[in-house]
Amino acid sequence: MEIVNQTTLRRDTTLLSLTHLAQLLPYAIGFGGLLVPFIIWLSAKNSVEDMDLHGRTIINFQLSLLLYIFISIPAILLVGLGLLGILGVAILGFVLPIVNAVRAANGNPPSTFLTIPFI
């Protein structure tokens, strides 16, 4: 009978990268950019090395993007500059997950550019 040590964490940079790339689902199918990474994070945070750090970064980033959008919408009516804010959020929401996926594949910590630490 083989004894398996359940306390060791496996190193899975592919899953970390896919978790970051799952944030791009709204650009492809319209939804899932927060829900899919959240489910992956909850299911693998105790078994994959660095998943807790990357998962928290993803959730904080997605919540930050939602906050920036909620701030930009009234700014459209007030100043008109809210359109630039929404465009900036769209670009940031597309570029940063790709950057973090590459960083995760290389074993580096994720970038927290313009991310508010909620959790």
Protein backbone atom coordinates (compact mmCIF):
# COMPACT_ATOMS: atom_id res chain seq x y z
CA MET A 1 0.00 0.00 0.00
CA GLU A 2 1.35 3.39 -1.02
CA ILE A 3 1.16 6.32 1.37
CA VAL A 4 0.52 9.64 -0.33
CA ASN A 5 1.58 12.82 1.42
CA GLN A 6 -1.38 15.18 1.13
CA THR A 7 0.42 18.15 2.68
CA THR A 8 2.81 18.86 -0.18
CA LEU A 9 1.72 21.32 -2.83
CA ARG A 10 2.30 20.53 -6.48
CA ARG A 11 3.82 23.11 -8.81
CA ASP A 12 1.44 23.68 -11.72
CA THR A 13 2.31 26.79 -13.70
CA THR A 14 -0.04 25.75 -16.51
CA LEU A 15 -3.06 25.89 -14.21
CA LEU A 16 -1.92 29.25 -12.86
CA SER A 17 -1.61 30.60 -16.41
CA LEU A 18 -5.01 29.23 -17.42
CA THR A 19 -6.56 30.80 -14.34
CA HIS A 20 -5.23 34.19 -15.43
CA LEU A 21 -6.35 33.64 -19.02
CA ALA A 22 -9.86 32.71 -17.82
CA GLN A 23 -10.29 36.41 -17.07
CA LEU A 24 -10.52 36.96 -20.83
CA LEU A 25 -13.78 35.00 -21.13
CA PRO A 26 -15.96 38.15 -21.21
CA TYR A 27 -14.16 39.23 -24.37
CA ALA A 28 -15.01 35.88 -26.01
CA ILE A 29 -18.42 34.82 -24.64
CA GLY A 30 -19.59 37.79 -22.57
CA PHE A 31 -19.40 36.41 -19.04
CA GLY A 32 -17.31 34.28 -16.70
CA GLY A 33 -14.34 36.58 -16.13
CA LEU A 34 -14.82 36.61 -12.37
CA LEU A 35 -16.71 33.36 -11.78
CA VAL A 36 -14.42 30.87 -13.57
CA PRO A 37 -11.14 32.04 -11.94
CA PHE A 38 -12.96 32.15 -8.59
CA ILE A 39 -14.04 28.51 -8.94
CA ILE A 40 -10.56 27.41 -10.04
CA TRP A 41 -9.00 29.31 -7.14
CA LEU A 42 -11.37 27.78 -4.56
CA SER A 43 -10.86 24.26 -5.86
CA ALA A 44 -7.05 24.38 -6.17
CA LYS A 45 -5.79 26.84 -3.56
CA ASN A 46 -4.86 24.09 -1.11
CA SER A 47 -3.25 21.77 -3.65
CA VAL A 48 -1.30 24.02 -6.06
CA GLU A 49 1.72 26.07 -5.04
CA ASP A 50 1.15 29.86 -5.31
CA MET A 51 -2.52 29.40 -6.31
CA ASP A 52 -3.71 31.33 -3.26
CA LEU A 53 -1.55 34.35 -4.17
CA HIS A 54 -2.54 34.30 -7.84
CA GLY A 55 -6.21 33.66 -7.06
CA ARG A 56 -6.41 36.55 -4.61
CA THR A 57 -4.71 38.80 -7.15
CA ILE A 58 -7.22 37.80 -9.83
CA ILE A 59 -10.25 38.37 -7.60
CA ASN A 60 -8.89 41.73 -6.40
CA PHE A 61 -8.15 42.77 -9.99
CA GLN A 62 -11.63 41.84 -11.23
CA LEU A 63 -13.29 43.66 -8.32
CA SER A 64 -11.09 46.69 -9.02
CA LEU A 65 -12.17 46.68 -12.67
CA LEU A 66 -15.84 46.58 -11.61
CA LEU A 67 -15.27 49.51 -9.28
CA TYR A 68 -13.53 51.49 -12.04
CA ILE A 69 -16.45 50.82 -14.40
CA PHE A 70 -18.99 51.92 -11.78
CA ILE A 71 -17.02 55.14 -11.30
CA SER A 72 -16.68 55.74 -15.06
CA ILE A 73 -20.37 55.37 -15.91
CA PRO A 74 -21.55 58.47 -14.00
CA ALA A 75 -18.45 60.30 -15.21
CA ILE A 76 -19.80 59.96 -18.75
CA LEU A 77 -22.80 62.08 -17.82
CA LEU A 78 -20.87 64.56 -15.71
CA VAL A 79 -17.74 65.26 -17.69
CA GLY A 80 -17.74 62.96 -20.68
CA LEU A 81 -14.33 61.63 -19.69
CA GLY A 82 -15.94 58.44 -18.43
CA LEU A 83 -15.65 57.06 -21.96
CA LEU A 84 -11.88 57.24 -21.62
CA GLY A 85 -12.18 55.50 -18.27
CA ILE A 86 -14.22 52.65 -19.74
CA LEU A 87 -11.80 52.36 -22.65
CA GLY A 88 -8.88 52.24 -20.20
CA VAL A 89 -10.60 49.55 -18.13
CA ALA A 90 -11.23 47.49 -21.27
CA ILE A 91 -7.60 47.73 -22.36
CA LEU A 92 -6.27 47.05 -18.85
CA GLY A 93 -8.68 44.12 -18.44
CA PHE A 94 -7.34 42.59 -21.65
CA VAL A 95 -3.61 43.22 -21.28
CA LEU A 96 -2.93 42.54 -17.59
CA PRO A 97 -4.31 38.97 -17.54
CA ILE A 98 -2.01 38.10 -20.45
CA VAL A 99 0.97 39.69 -18.68
CA ASN A 100 0.16 37.81 -15.48
CA ALA A 101 -0.31 34.52 -17.35
CA VAL A 102 3.19 34.86 -18.78
CA ARG A 103 4.54 35.78 -15.35
CA ALA A 104 2.82 32.74 -13.81
CA ALA A 105 4.22 30.45 -16.51
CA ASN A 106 7.72 31.73 -15.68
CA GLY A 107 7.18 31.25 -11.94
CA ASN A 108 7.08 34.96 -11.10
CA PRO A 109 4.52 36.63 -8.80
CA PRO A 110 1.61 38.41 -10.51
CA SER A 111 1.60 42.12 -11.27
CA THR A 112 -0.78 44.17 -9.13
CA PHE A 113 -0.88 47.27 -11.34
CA LEU A 114 -3.94 49.42 -10.38
CA THR A 115 -5.30 46.58 -8.22
CA ILE A 116 -7.02 47.45 -4.95
CA PRO A 117 -6.39 44.77 -2.27
CA PHE A 118 -9.93 43.82 -1.20
CA ILE A 119 -9.15 40.31 0.08
